[in-house]
Amino acid sequence: MRFAVLGSGSRGNGTLVASNDTYVLVDCGFSLRETERRLARLGVAANQLSAILVTHEHADHVHGVGLLSRRYNVPVYLSSGTLRGMRKPVEVAGLLA
């Protein structure tokens, strides 16, 4: 299993967790273009993502979630509280209470 921090701070947060051919992005606080660029530096294309896991609704953790999910058909997993707290709703593949 491999962990790689795409970035951490008020300008955006994201961590890639990879195991074999499974890639889970934990939080996506960057723009679509910036997320694609940061993933590419790790040798991963956005269309390889298996899921996006959102830890909480702060903008620096969710800014790019909706667009990334829609563009690449990546399922999003988050708690019901996080979903309620988000300013812009996103379509989620699974809702975890």
PDB file of N, CA and C in Angstrom:
ATOM      1  N   MET A   1       0.849  -1.168   0.000  1.00  0.00           N
ATOM      2  CA  MET A   1       0.000   0.000   0.000  1.00  0.00           C
ATOM      3  C   MET A   1       0.896   1.233   0.000  1.00  0.00           C
ATOM      4  N   ARG A   2       0.455   2.235  -0.764  1.00  0.00           N
ATOM      5  CA  ARG A   2       1.254   3.449  -0.903  1.00  0.00           C
ATOM      6  C   ARG A   2       0.381   4.657  -0.555  1.00  0.00           C
ATOM      7  N   PHE A   3       0.956   5.610   0.159  1.00  0.00           N
ATOM      8  CA  PHE A   3       0.298   6.863   0.502  1.00  0.00           C
ATOM      9  C   PHE A   3       1.126   7.996  -0.077  1.00  0.00           C
ATOM     10  N   ALA A   4       0.467   8.969  -0.694  1.00  0.00           N
ATOM     11  CA  ALA A   4       1.176  10.129  -1.227  1.00  0.00           C
ATOM     12  C   ALA A   4       0.316  11.365  -1.001  1.00  0.00           C
ATOM     13  N   VAL A   5       0.882  12.356  -0.352  1.00  0.00           N
ATOM     14  CA  VAL A   5       0.168  13.604  -0.093  1.00  0.00           C
ATOM     15  C   VAL A   5       0.278  14.496  -1.321  1.00  0.00           C
ATOM     16  N   LEU A   6      -0.862  14.857  -1.889  1.00  0.00           N
ATOM     17  CA  LEU A   6      -0.878  15.775  -3.027  1.00  0.00           C
ATOM     18  C   LEU A   6      -0.679  17.207  -2.554  1.00  0.00           C
ATOM     19  N   GLY A   7      -1.093  17.489  -1.344  1.00  0.00           N
ATOM     20  CA  GLY A   7      -0.938  18.811  -0.763  1.00  0.00           C
ATOM     21  C   GLY A   7      -1.698  18.887   0.542  1.00  0.00           C
ATOM     22  N   SER A   8      -1.271  19.804   1.398  1.00  0.00           N
ATOM     23  CA  SER A   8      -1.907  19.961   2.691  1.00  0.00           C
ATOM     24  C   SER A   8      -1.810  21.417   3.106  1.00  0.00           C
ATOM     25  N   GLY A   9      -2.945  22.026   3.357  1.00  0.00           N
ATOM     26  CA  GLY A   9      -2.945  23.417   3.780  1.00  0.00           C
ATOM     27  C   GLY A   9      -4.219  24.116   3.353  1.00  0.00           C
ATOM     28  N   SER A  10      -4.284  25.402   3.629  1.00  0.00           N
ATOM     29  CA  SER A  10      -5.500  26.159   3.350  1.00  0.00           C
ATOM     30  C   SER A  10      -5.797  26.290   1.859  1.00  0.00           C
ATOM     31  N   ARG A  11      -4.816  26.062   1.000  1.00  0.00           N
ATOM     32  CA  ARG A  11      -5.037  26.139  -0.451  1.00  0.00           C
ATOM     33  C   ARG A  11      -5.517  24.821  -1.045  1.00  0.00           C
ATOM     34  N   GLY A  12      -5.582  23.779  -0.237  1.00  0.00           N
ATOM     35  CA  GLY A  12      -6.082  22.502  -0.724  1.00  0.00           C
ATOM     36  C   GLY A  12      -5.444  21.326  -0.026  1.00  0.00           C
ATOM     37  N   ASN A  13      -6.222  20.269   0.092  1.00  0.00           N
ATOM     38  CA  ASN A  13      -5.768  19.036   0.717  1.00  0.00           C
ATOM     39  C   ASN A  13      -6.140  17.856  -0.161  1.00  0.00           C
ATOM     40  N   GLY A  14      -5.289  16.872  -0.170  1.00  0.00           N
ATOM     41  CA  GLY A  14      -5.571  15.648  -0.894  1.00  0.00           C
ATOM     42  C   GLY A  14      -4.478  14.632  -0.641  1.00  0.00           C
ATOM     43  N   THR A  15      -4.880  13.385  -0.481  1.00  0.00           N
ATOM     44  CA  THR A  15      -3.942  12.289  -0.268  1.00  0.00           C
ATOM     45  C   THR A  15      -4.374  11.114  -1.131  1.00  0.00           C
ATOM     46  N   LEU A  16      -3.434  10.541  -1.827  1.00  0.00           N
ATOM     47  CA  LEU A  16      -3.709   9.369  -2.651  1.00  0.00           C
ATOM     48  C   LEU A  16      -3.298   8.124  -1.877  1.00  0.00           C
ATOM     49  N   VAL A  17      -4.221   7.172  -1.792  1.00  0.00           N
ATOM     50  CA  VAL A  17      -3.944   5.872  -1.188  1.00  0.00           C
ATOM     51  C   VAL A  17      -4.042   4.855  -2.321  1.00  0.00           C
ATOM     52  N   ALA A  18      -2.963   4.111  -2.538  1.00  0.00           N
ATOM     53  CA  ALA A  18      -2.918   3.174  -3.663  1.00  0.00           C
ATOM     54  C   ALA A  18      -2.511   1.788  -3.196  1.00  0.00           C
ATOM     55  N   SER A  19      -3.170   0.793  -3.765  1.00  0.00           N
ATOM     56  CA  SER A  19      -2.827  -0.597  -3.509  1.00  0.00           C
ATOM     57  C   SER A  19      -3.139  -1.378  -4.777  1.00  0.00           C
ATOM     58  N   ASN A  20      -2.112  -1.958  -5.362  1.00  0.00           N
ATOM     59  CA  ASN A  20      -2.260  -2.643  -6.646  1.00  0.00           C
ATOM     60  C   ASN A  20      -2.871  -1.688  -7.669  1.00  0.00           C
ATOM     61  N   ASP A  21      -4.037  -2.017  -8.208  1.00  0.00           N
ATOM     62  CA  ASP A  21      -4.681  -1.155  -9.198  1.00  0.00           C
ATOM     63  C   ASP A  21      -5.826  -0.335  -8.613  1.00  0.00           C
ATOM     64  N   THR A  22      -5.875  -0.205  -7.303  1.00  0.00           N
ATOM     65  CA  THR A  22      -6.916   0.573  -6.639  1.00  0.00           C
ATOM     66  C   THR A  22      -6.323   1.887  -6.159  1.00  0.00           C
ATOM     67  N   TYR A  23      -6.974   2.987  -6.553  1.00  0.00           N
ATOM     68  CA  TYR A  23      -6.511   4.324  -6.188  1.00  0.00           C
ATOM     69  C   TYR A  23      -7.665   5.085  -5.552  1.00  0.00           C
ATOM     70  N   VAL A  24      -7.502   5.449  -4.285  1.00  0.00           N
ATOM     71  CA  VAL A  24      -8.518   6.214  -3.574  1.00  0.00           C
ATOM     72  C   VAL A  24      -7.934   7.578  -3.235  1.00  0.00           C
ATOM     73  N   LEU A  25      -8.652   8.620  -3.630  1.00  0.00           N
ATOM     74  CA  LEU A  25      -8.238   9.976  -3.309  1.00  0.00           C
ATOM     75  C   LEU A  25      -8.991  10.407  -2.064  1.00  0.00           C
ATOM     76  N   VAL A  26      -8.263  10.677  -0.993  1.00  0.00           N
ATOM     77  CA  VAL A  26      -8.863  11.149   0.249  1.00  0.00           C
ATOM     78  C   VAL A  26      -8.824  12.672   0.201  1.00  0.00           C
ATOM     79  N   ASP A  27      -9.990  13.263   0.044  1.00  0.00           N
ATOM     80  CA  ASP A  27     -10.193  14.704  -0.105  1.00  0.00           C
ATOM     81  C   ASP A  27      -9.677  15.198  -1.451  1.00  0.00           C
ATOM     82  N   CYS A  28     -10.301  16.242  -1.925  1.00  0.00           N
ATOM     83  CA  CYS A  28      -9.916  16.842  -3.205  1.00  0.00           C
ATOM     84  C   CYS A  28     -10.176  18.342  -3.109  1.00  0.00           C
ATOM     85  N   GLY A  29      -9.236  19.039  -2.498  1.00  0.00           N
ATOM     86  CA  GLY A  29      -9.395  20.468  -2.281  1.00  0.00           C
ATOM     87  C   GLY A  29      -8.821  21.337  -3.375  1.00  0.00           C
ATOM     88  N   PHE A  30      -8.379  20.744  -4.464  1.00  0.00           N
ATOM     89  CA  PHE A  30      -7.757  21.488  -5.561  1.00  0.00           C
ATOM     90  C   PHE A  30      -8.701  21.561  -6.754  1.00  0.00           C
ATOM     91  N   SER A  31      -8.419  22.461  -7.670  1.00  0.00           N
ATOM     92  CA  SER A  31      -9.179  22.521  -8.918  1.00  0.00           C
ATOM     93  C   SER A  31      -8.959  21.228  -9.694  1.00  0.00           C
ATOM     94  N   LEU A  32      -9.796  20.999 -10.679  1.00  0.00           N
ATOM     95  CA  LEU A  32      -9.646  19.802 -11.508  1.00  0.00           C
ATOM     96  C   LEU A  32      -8.267  19.765 -12.151  1.00  0.00           C
ATOM     97  N   ARG A  33      -7.876  20.855 -12.777  1.00  0.00           N
ATOM     98  CA  ARG A  33      -6.578  20.910 -13.467  1.00  0.00           C
ATOM     99  C   ARG A  33      -5.419  20.658 -12.492  1.00  0.00           C
ATOM    100  N   GLU A  34      -5.485  21.268 -11.321  1.00  0.00           N
ATOM    101  CA  GLU A  34      -4.408  21.095 -10.347  1.00  0.00           C
ATOM    102  C   GLU A  34      -4.378  19.662  -9.819  1.00  0.00           C
ATOM    103  N   THR A  35      -5.538  19.073  -9.598  1.00  0.00           N
ATOM    104  CA  THR A  35      -5.594  17.682  -9.141  1.00  0.00           C
ATOM    105  C   THR A  35      -4.994  16.759 -10.196  1.00  0.00           C
ATOM    106  N   GLU A  36      -5.366  16.962 -11.447  1.00  0.00           N
ATOM    107  CA  GLU A  36      -4.812  16.150 -12.537  1.00  0.00           C
ATOM    108  C   GLU A  36      -3.290  16.287 -12.588  1.00  0.00           C
ATOM    109  N   ARG A  37      -2.804  17.506 -12.434  1.00  0.00           N
ATOM    110  CA  ARG A  37      -1.361  17.755 -12.482  1.00  0.00           C
ATOM    111  C   ARG A  37      -0.637  17.052 -11.336  1.00  0.00           C
ATOM    112  N   ARG A  38      -1.199  17.147 -10.146  1.00  0.00           N
ATOM    113  CA  ARG A  38      -0.553  16.534  -8.977  1.00  0.00           C
ATOM    114  C   ARG A  38      -0.594  15.008  -9.053  1.00  0.00           C
ATOM    115  N   LEU A  39      -1.691  14.458  -9.546  1.00  0.00           N
ATOM    116  CA  LEU A  39      -1.761  13.006  -9.735  1.00  0.00           C
ATOM    117  C   LEU A  39      -0.742  12.554 -10.777  1.00  0.00           C
ATOM    118  N   ALA A  40      -0.624  13.304 -11.860  1.00  0.00           N
ATOM    119  CA  ALA A  40       0.312  12.947 -12.937  1.00  0.00           C
ATOM    120  C   ALA A  40       1.747  12.899 -12.427  1.00  0.00           C
ATOM    121  N   ARG A  41       2.092  13.784 -11.502  1.00  0.00           N
ATOM    122  CA  ARG A  41       3.447  13.753 -10.922  1.00  0.00           C
ATOM    123  C   ARG A  41       3.712  12.436 -10.205  1.00  0.00           C
ATOM    124  N   LEU A  42       2.633  11.772  -9.787  1.00  0.00           N
ATOM    125  CA  LEU A  42       2.752  10.480  -9.108  1.00  0.00           C
ATOM    126  C   LEU A  42       2.598   9.314 -10.083  1.00  0.00           C
ATOM    127  N   GLY A  43       2.410   9.628 -11.352  1.00  0.00           N
ATOM    128  CA  GLY A  43       2.233   8.583 -12.352  1.00  0.00           C
ATOM    129  C   GLY A  43       0.838   8.003 -12.391  1.00  0.00           C
ATOM    130  N   VAL A  44      -0.143   8.761 -11.916  1.00  0.00           N
ATOM    131  CA  VAL A  44      -1.530   8.298 -11.873  1.00  0.00           C
ATOM    132  C   VAL A  44      -2.389   9.264 -12.684  1.00  0.00           C
ATOM    133  N   ALA A  45      -3.230   8.725 -13.545  1.00  0.00           N
ATOM    134  CA  ALA A  45      -4.188   9.542 -14.292  1.00  0.00           C
ATOM    135  C   ALA A  45      -5.500   9.586 -13.516  1.00  0.00           C
ATOM    136  N   ALA A  46      -6.210  10.688 -13.622  1.00  0.00           N
ATOM    137  CA  ALA A  46      -7.462  10.843 -12.883  1.00  0.00           C
ATOM    138  C   ALA A  46      -8.473   9.752 -13.234  1.00  0.00           C
ATOM    139  N   ASN A  47      -8.439   9.255 -14.454  1.00  0.00           N
ATOM    140  CA  ASN A  47      -9.393   8.205 -14.834  1.00  0.00           C
ATOM    141  C   ASN A  47      -9.061   6.852 -14.208  1.00  0.00           C
ATOM    142  N   GLN A  48      -7.948   6.767 -13.502  1.00  0.00           N
ATOM    143  CA  GLN A  48      -7.596   5.541 -12.779  1.00  0.00           C
ATOM    144  C   GLN A  48      -8.159   5.529 -11.359  1.00  0.00           C
ATOM    145  N   LEU A  49      -8.721   6.646 -10.900  1.00  0.00           N
ATOM    146  CA  LEU A  49      -9.234   6.708  -9.531  1.00  0.00           C
ATOM    147  C   LEU A  49     -10.400   5.746  -9.343  1.00  0.00           C
ATOM    148  N   SER A  50     -10.370   5.032  -8.231  1.00  0.00           N
ATOM    149  CA  SER A  50     -11.437   4.093  -7.890  1.00  0.00           C
ATOM    150  C   SER A  50     -12.530   4.766  -7.078  1.00  0.00           C
ATOM    151  N   ALA A  51     -12.151   5.779  -6.290  1.00  0.00           N
ATOM    152  CA  ALA A  51     -13.109   6.461  -5.420  1.00  0.00           C
ATOM    153  C   ALA A  51     -12.485   7.734  -4.867  1.00  0.00           C
ATOM    154  N   ILE A  52     -13.376   8.620  -4.409  1.00  0.00           N
ATOM    155  CA  ILE A  52     -12.971   9.805  -3.652  1.00  0.00           C
ATOM    156  C   ILE A  52     -13.633   9.680  -2.292  1.00  0.00           C
ATOM    157  N   LEU A  53     -12.852   9.779  -1.238  1.00  0.00           N
ATOM    158  CA  LEU A  53     -13.354   9.731   0.129  1.00  0.00           C
ATOM    159  C   LEU A  53     -13.202  11.124   0.724  1.00  0.00           C
ATOM    160  N   VAL A  54     -14.311  11.711   1.164  1.00  0.00           N
ATOM    161  CA  VAL A  54     -14.291  13.064   1.719  1.00  0.00           C
ATOM    162  C   VAL A  54     -14.350  12.979   3.239  1.00  0.00           C
ATOM    163  N   THR A  55     -13.371  13.591   3.908  1.00  0.00           N
ATOM    164  CA  THR A  55     -13.311  13.532   5.367  1.00  0.00           C
ATOM    165  C   THR A  55     -14.249  14.520   6.030  1.00  0.00           C
ATOM    166  N   HIS A  56     -14.371  15.725   5.463  1.00  0.00           N
ATOM    167  CA  HIS A  56     -15.295  16.732   5.976  1.00  0.00           C
ATOM    168  C   HIS A  56     -15.487  17.821   4.928  1.00  0.00           C
ATOM    169  N   GLU A  57     -16.439  18.712   5.192  1.00  0.00           N
ATOM    170  CA  GLU A  57     -16.932  19.612   4.157  1.00  0.00           C
ATOM    171  C   GLU A  57     -16.189  20.925   3.962  1.00  0.00           C
ATOM    172  N   HIS A  58     -15.094  21.163   4.629  1.00  0.00           N
ATOM    173  CA  HIS A  58     -14.370  22.423   4.430  1.00  0.00           C
ATOM    174  C   HIS A  58     -13.899  22.543   2.983  1.00  0.00           C
ATOM    175  N   ALA A  59     -13.948  23.766   2.453  1.00  0.00           N
ATOM    176  CA  ALA A  59     -13.634  24.003   1.041  1.00  0.00           C
ATOM    177  C   ALA A  59     -12.257  23.484   0.650  1.00  0.00           C
ATOM    178  N   ASP A  60     -11.291  23.576   1.545  1.00  0.00           N
ATOM    179  CA  ASP A  60      -9.943  23.115   1.203  1.00  0.00           C
ATOM    180  C   ASP A  60      -9.845  21.592   1.140  1.00  0.00           C
ATOM    181  N   HIS A  61     -10.952  20.912   1.400  1.00  0.00           N
ATOM    182  CA  HIS A  61     -11.012  19.451   1.288  1.00  0.00           C
ATOM    183  C   HIS A  61     -11.969  18.989   0.187  1.00  0.00           C
ATOM    184  N   VAL A  62     -12.874  19.880  -0.260  1.00  0.00           N
ATOM    185  CA  VAL A  62     -13.906  19.450  -1.215  1.00  0.00           C
ATOM    186  C   VAL A  62     -13.986  20.276  -2.496  1.00  0.00           C
ATOM    187  N   HIS A  63     -13.164  21.271  -2.650  1.00  0.00           N
ATOM    188  CA  HIS A  63     -13.284  22.210  -3.771  1.00  0.00           C
ATOM    189  C   HIS A  63     -13.431  21.516  -5.129  1.00  0.00           C
ATOM    190  N   GLY A  64     -12.653  20.486  -5.395  1.00  0.00           N
ATOM    191  CA  GLY A  64     -12.681  19.848  -6.706  1.00  0.00           C
ATOM    192  C   GLY A  64     -13.444  18.544  -6.791  1.00  0.00           C
ATOM    193  N   VAL A  65     -14.109  18.156  -5.720  1.00  0.00           N
ATOM    194  CA  VAL A  65     -14.759  16.841  -5.680  1.00  0.00           C
ATOM    195  C   VAL A  65     -15.810  16.669  -6.770  1.00  0.00           C
ATOM    196  N   GLY A  66     -16.744  17.599  -6.865  1.00  0.00           N
ATOM    197  CA  GLY A  66     -17.851  17.451  -7.804  1.00  0.00           C
ATOM    198  C   GLY A  66     -17.402  17.334  -9.252  1.00  0.00           C
ATOM    199  N   LEU A  67     -16.542  18.242  -9.676  1.00  0.00           N
ATOM    200  CA  LEU A  67     -16.096  18.233 -11.069  1.00  0.00           C
ATOM    201  C   LEU A  67     -15.262  16.994 -11.386  1.00  0.00           C
ATOM    202  N   LEU A  68     -14.349  16.632 -10.484  1.00  0.00           N
ATOM    203  CA  LEU A  68     -13.523  15.443 -10.699  1.00  0.00           C
ATOM    204  C   LEU A  68     -14.399  14.196 -10.796  1.00  0.00           C
ATOM    205  N   SER A  69     -15.363  14.097  -9.895  1.00  0.00           N
ATOM    206  CA  SER A  69     -16.261  12.945  -9.886  1.00  0.00           C
ATOM    207  C   SER A  69     -17.067  12.854 -11.178  1.00  0.00           C
ATOM    208  N   ARG A  70     -17.620  13.970 -11.612  1.00  0.00           N
ATOM    209  CA  ARG A  70     -18.434  13.966 -12.835  1.00  0.00           C
ATOM    210  C   ARG A  70     -17.589  13.723 -14.079  1.00  0.00           C
ATOM    211  N   ARG A  71     -16.445  14.382 -14.166  1.00  0.00           N
ATOM    212  CA  ARG A  71     -15.609  14.270 -15.368  1.00  0.00           C
ATOM    213  C   ARG A  71     -15.135  12.842 -15.584  1.00  0.00           C
ATOM    214  N   TYR A  72     -14.754  12.162 -14.494  1.00  0.00           N
ATOM    215  CA  TYR A  72     -14.160  10.831 -14.626  1.00  0.00           C
ATOM    216  C   TYR A  72     -15.045   9.711 -14.077  1.00  0.00           C
ATOM    217  N   ASN A  73     -16.286  10.037 -13.729  1.00  0.00           N
ATOM    218  CA  ASN A  73     -17.223   9.043 -13.218  1.00  0.00           C
ATOM    219  C   ASN A  73     -16.648   8.289 -12.015  1.00  0.00           C
ATOM    220  N   VAL A  74     -16.130   9.057 -11.061  1.00  0.00           N
ATOM    221  CA  VAL A  74     -15.519   8.487  -9.859  1.00  0.00           C
ATOM    222  C   VAL A  74     -16.535   8.569  -8.719  1.00  0.00           C
ATOM    223  N   PRO A  75     -16.843   7.457  -8.064  1.00  0.00           N
ATOM    224  CA  PRO A  75     -17.778   7.507  -6.945  1.00  0.00           C
ATOM    225  C   PRO A  75     -17.200   8.296  -5.769  1.00  0.00           C
ATOM    226  N   VAL A  76     -18.105   8.987  -5.056  1.00  0.00           N
ATOM    227  CA  VAL A  76     -17.726   9.792  -3.893  1.00  0.00           C
ATOM    228  C   VAL A  76     -18.362   9.174  -2.659  1.00  0.00           C
ATOM    229  N   TYR A  77     -17.583   9.044  -1.600  1.00  0.00           N
ATOM    230  CA  TYR A  77     -18.065   8.510  -0.336  1.00  0.00           C
ATOM    231  C   TYR A  77     -17.832   9.542   0.755  1.00  0.00           C
ATOM    232  N   LEU A  78     -18.875   9.800   1.546  1.00  0.00           N
ATOM    233  CA  LEU A  78     -18.794  10.764   2.631  1.00  0.00           C
ATOM    234  C   LEU A  78     -19.926  10.499   3.602  1.00  0.00           C
ATOM    235  N   SER A  79     -19.832  11.081   4.772  1.00  0.00           N
ATOM    236  CA  SER A  79     -20.876  10.885   5.774  1.00  0.00           C
ATOM    237  C   SER A  79     -22.076  11.766   5.448  1.00  0.00           C
ATOM    238  N   SER A  80     -23.220  11.437   6.021  1.00  0.00           N
ATOM    239  CA  SER A  80     -24.422  12.243   5.798  1.00  0.00           C
ATOM    240  C   SER A  80     -24.234  13.647   6.361  1.00  0.00           C
ATOM    241  N   GLY A  81     -23.522  13.783   7.474  1.00  0.00           N
ATOM    242  CA  GLY A  81     -23.251  15.101   8.048  1.00  0.00           C
ATOM    243  C   GLY A  81     -22.388  15.953   7.138  1.00  0.00           C
ATOM    244  N   THR A  82     -21.391  15.339   6.531  1.00  0.00           N
ATOM    245  CA  THR A  82     -20.532  16.063   5.588  1.00  0.00           C
ATOM    246  C   THR A  82     -21.342  16.496   4.377  1.00  0.00           C
ATOM    247  N   LEU A  83     -22.189  15.630   3.870  1.00  0.00           N
ATOM    248  CA  LEU A  83     -23.027  15.974   2.724  1.00  0.00           C
ATOM    249  C   LEU A  83     -23.935  17.157   3.051  1.00  0.00           C
ATOM    250  N   ARG A  84     -24.553  17.152   4.219  1.00  0.00           N
ATOM    251  CA  ARG A  84     -25.431  18.257   4.624  1.00  0.00           C
ATOM    252  C   ARG A  84     -24.659  19.566   4.758  1.00  0.00           C
ATOM    253  N   GLY A  85     -23.398  19.481   5.174  1.00  0.00           N
ATOM    254  CA  GLY A  85     -22.600  20.679   5.407  1.00  0.00           C
ATOM    255  C   GLY A  85     -21.973  21.281   4.167  1.00  0.00           C
ATOM    256  N   MET A  86     -22.031  20.590   3.053  1.00  0.00           N
ATOM    257  CA  MET A  86     -21.388  21.093   1.839  1.00  0.00           C
ATOM    258  C   MET A  86     -22.206  22.210   1.213  1.00  0.00           C
ATOM    259  N   ARG A  87     -21.521  23.257   0.751  1.00  0.00           N
ATOM    260  CA  ARG A  87     -22.197  24.392   0.114  1.00  0.00           C
ATOM    261  C   ARG A  87     -22.775  24.002  -1.234  1.00  0.00           C
ATOM    262  N   LYS A  88     -22.009  23.248  -2.009  1.00  0.00           N
ATOM    263  CA  LYS A  88     -22.470  22.773  -3.313  1.00  0.00           C
ATOM    264  C   LYS A  88     -22.676  21.267  -3.209  1.00  0.00           C
ATOM    265  N   PRO A  89     -23.905  20.804  -3.400  1.00  0.00           N
ATOM    266  CA  PRO A  89     -24.120  19.357  -3.304  1.00  0.00           C
ATOM    267  C   PRO A  89     -23.402  18.613  -4.423  1.00  0.00           C
ATOM    268  N   VAL A  90     -22.984  17.406  -4.122  1.00  0.00           N
ATOM    269  CA  VAL A  90     -22.364  16.545  -5.123  1.00  0.00           C
ATOM    270  C   VAL A  90     -23.163  15.253  -5.183  1.00  0.00           C
ATOM    271  N   GLU A  91     -23.142  14.625  -6.333  1.00  0.00           N
ATOM    272  CA  GLU A  91     -23.752  13.312  -6.451  1.00  0.00           C
ATOM    273  C   GLU A  91     -22.801  12.324  -5.805  1.00  0.00           C
ATOM    274  N   VAL A  92     -23.337  11.465  -4.975  1.00  0.00           N
ATOM    275  CA  VAL A  92     -22.483  10.512  -4.281  1.00  0.00           C
ATOM    276  C   VAL A  92     -22.848   9.096  -4.688  1.00  0.00           C
ATOM    277  N   ALA A  93     -21.840   8.271  -4.747  1.00  0.00           N
ATOM    278  CA  ALA A  93     -22.057   6.871  -5.103  1.00  0.00           C
ATOM    279  C   ALA A  93     -22.521   6.089  -3.889  1.00  0.00           C
ATOM    280  N   GLY A  94     -22.091   6.510  -2.728  1.00  0.00           N
ATOM    281  CA  GLY A  94     -22.480   5.839  -1.504  1.00  0.00           C
ATOM    282  C   GLY A  94     -22.594   6.868  -0.401  1.00  0.00           C
ATOM    283  N   LEU A  95     -23.555   6.716   0.457  1.00  0.00           N
ATOM    284  CA  LEU A  95     -23.727   7.630   1.574  1.00  0.00           C
ATOM    285  C   LEU A  95     -23.511   6.836   2.841  1.00  0.00           C
ATOM    286  N   LEU A  96     -22.474   7.173   3.570  1.00  0.00           N
ATOM    287  CA  LEU A  96     -22.143   6.448   4.786  1.00  0.00           C
ATOM    288  C   LEU A  96     -22.573   7.258   5.992  1.00  0.00           C
ATOM    289  N   ALA A  97     -23.424   6.709   6.819  1.00  0.00           N
ATOM    290  CA  ALA A  97     -23.913   7.423   8.002  1.00  0.00           C
ATOM    291  C   ALA A  97     -22.997   7.186   9.179  1.00  0.00           C
TER     292      ALA A  97
END
